[in-house]
C-alpha atoms as a PDB file:
ATOM      1  CA  MET A   1       0.000   0.000   0.000  1.00  0.00           C
ATOM      2  CA  HIS A   2       1.171   3.495  -0.781  1.00  0.00           C
ATOM      3  CA  TYR A   3      -0.600   6.425   0.886  1.00  0.00           C
ATOM      4  CA  PHE A   4      -0.166   9.697  -0.996  1.00  0.00           C
ATOM      5  CA  GLY A   5      -1.269  11.945   1.894  1.00  0.00           C
ATOM      6  CA  LYS A   6      -1.402  15.595   0.871  1.00  0.00           C
ATOM      7  CA  SER A   7       0.315  14.892  -2.450  1.00  0.00           C
ATOM      8  CA  CYS A   8      -2.000  15.564  -5.407  1.00  0.00           C
ATOM      9  CA  GLN A   9      -0.400  13.290  -7.982  1.00  0.00           C
ATOM     10  CA  ALA A  10      -2.078  12.483 -11.305  1.00  0.00           C
ATOM     11  CA  ALA A  11      -0.028   9.296 -11.857  1.00  0.00           C
ATOM     12  CA  TYR A  12       2.268   6.921  -9.990  1.00  0.00           C
ATOM     13  CA  THR A  13       4.585   4.143 -11.161  1.00  0.00           C
ATOM     14  CA  LEU A  14       4.417   0.816  -9.344  1.00  0.00           C
ATOM     15  CA  ASP A  15       7.152  -1.788  -9.746  1.00  0.00           C
ATOM     16  CA  LEU A  16       5.730  -5.158  -8.717  1.00  0.00           C
ATOM     17  CA  PRO A  17       7.401  -8.574  -9.098  1.00  0.00           C
ATOM     18  CA  GLU A  18       7.082 -10.284 -12.491  1.00  0.00           C
ATOM     19  CA  GLY A  19       5.466 -13.712 -12.585  1.00  0.00           C
ATOM     20  CA  SER A  20       2.746 -12.922 -10.023  1.00  0.00           C
ATOM     21  CA  GLU A  21      -0.543 -11.181 -10.670  1.00  0.00           C
ATOM     22  CA  TYR A  22      -1.783  -8.214  -8.670  1.00  0.00           C
ATOM     23  CA  ALA A  23      -5.018  -6.251  -8.542  1.00  0.00           C
ATOM     24  CA  ILE A  24      -4.605  -2.533  -7.875  1.00  0.00           C
ATOM     25  CA  ASP A  25      -7.219  -0.739  -5.774  1.00  0.00           C
ATOM     26  CA  LEU A  26      -7.547   3.000  -5.283  1.00  0.00           C
ATOM     27  CA  VAL A  27      -8.782   4.230  -1.884  1.00  0.00           C
ATOM     28  CA  ASP A  28     -10.191   7.717  -1.343  1.00  0.00           C
ATOM     29  CA  ILE A  29     -10.253   8.444   2.387  1.00  0.00           C
ATOM     30  CA  TRP A  30     -12.444  11.549   2.051  1.00  0.00           C
ATOM     31  CA  GLU A  31     -15.173   9.909  -0.035  1.00  0.00           C
ATOM     32  CA  MET A  32     -14.711   6.603   1.843  1.00  0.00           C
ATOM     33  CA  THR A  33     -14.496   4.603  -1.382  1.00  0.00           C
ATOM     34  CA  ARG A  34     -12.349   1.775  -2.676  1.00  0.00           C
ATOM     35  CA  GLU A  35     -12.363   0.674  -6.314  1.00  0.00           C
ATOM     36  CA  THR A  36     -10.322  -1.731  -8.388  1.00  0.00           C
ATOM     37  CA  ILE A  37      -8.582   0.282 -11.087  1.00  0.00           C
ATOM     38  CA  ILE A  38      -6.416  -2.537 -12.515  1.00  0.00           C
ATOM     39  CA  PRO A  39      -7.845  -6.064 -12.127  1.00  0.00           C
ATOM     40  CA  ARG A  40      -4.684  -7.978 -13.171  1.00  0.00           C
ATOM     41  CA  ASP A  41      -1.120  -6.920 -13.868  1.00  0.00           C
ATOM     42  CA  SER A  42       2.493  -7.426 -12.842  1.00  0.00           C
ATOM     43  CA  GLY A  43       5.869  -5.766 -13.296  1.00  0.00           C
ATOM     44  CA  LYS A  44       6.268  -2.036 -13.818  1.00  0.00           C
ATOM     45  CA  MET A  45       3.040  -0.136 -14.428  1.00  0.00           C
ATOM     46  CA  LYS A  46       1.824   3.447 -14.359  1.00  0.00           C
ATOM     47  CA  ILE A  47      -1.483   4.039 -12.606  1.00  0.00           C
ATOM     48  CA  LYS A  48      -3.708   7.080 -13.015  1.00  0.00           C
ATOM     49  CA  LEU A  49      -4.666   8.926  -9.853  1.00  0.00           C
ATOM     50  CA  PRO A  50      -7.384  11.531  -9.296  1.00  0.00           C
ATOM     51  CA  GLY A  51      -4.878  14.266  -8.399  1.00  0.00           C
ATOM     52  CA  LYS A  52      -6.296  15.079  -4.992  1.00  0.00           C
ATOM     53  CA  GLU A  53      -5.353  14.629  -1.338  1.00  0.00           C
ATOM     54  CA  GLY A  54      -6.159  11.549   0.703  1.00  0.00           C
ATOM     55  CA  THR A  55      -5.722   8.707  -1.749  1.00  0.00           C
ATOM     56  CA  ALA A  56      -3.898   5.401  -1.494  1.00  0.00           C
ATOM     57  CA  ALA A  57      -3.008   2.621  -3.925  1.00  0.00           C
ATOM     58  CA  ILE A  58      -3.161  -0.976  -2.708  1.00  0.00           C
ATOM     59  CA  ALA A  59      -1.588  -3.894  -4.584  1.00  0.00           C
ATOM     60  CA  ILE A  60      -3.349  -7.176  -3.772  1.00  0.00           C
ATOM     61  CA  HIS A  61      -1.417 -10.333  -4.648  1.00  0.00           C
ATOM     62  CA  ASN A  62      -3.552 -12.865  -6.507  1.00  0.00           C
ATOM     63  CA  GLN A  63      -2.214 -16.160  -5.150  1.00  0.00           C
ATOM     64  CA  LEU A  64      -4.760 -18.342  -6.917  1.00  0.00           C
ATOM     65  CA  GLY A  65      -4.071 -17.072 -10.436  1.00  0.00           C
ATOM     66  CA  ILE A  66      -7.777 -16.350 -10.907  1.00  0.00           C
END
């Protein structure tokens, strides 16, 4: 998980291990929402962010390969 705090970034680069799949969720602490923005990916990827305070990106390891 990466919490962006007061940073208002429009994009962020994640570098996750190759050979495993991850889902990427975006959390907005002010709106109290969590949504999957990338259902399956691995390796280096650029994710789009809303460009506002109080967001976090969570990488969830898919151990089952589903």
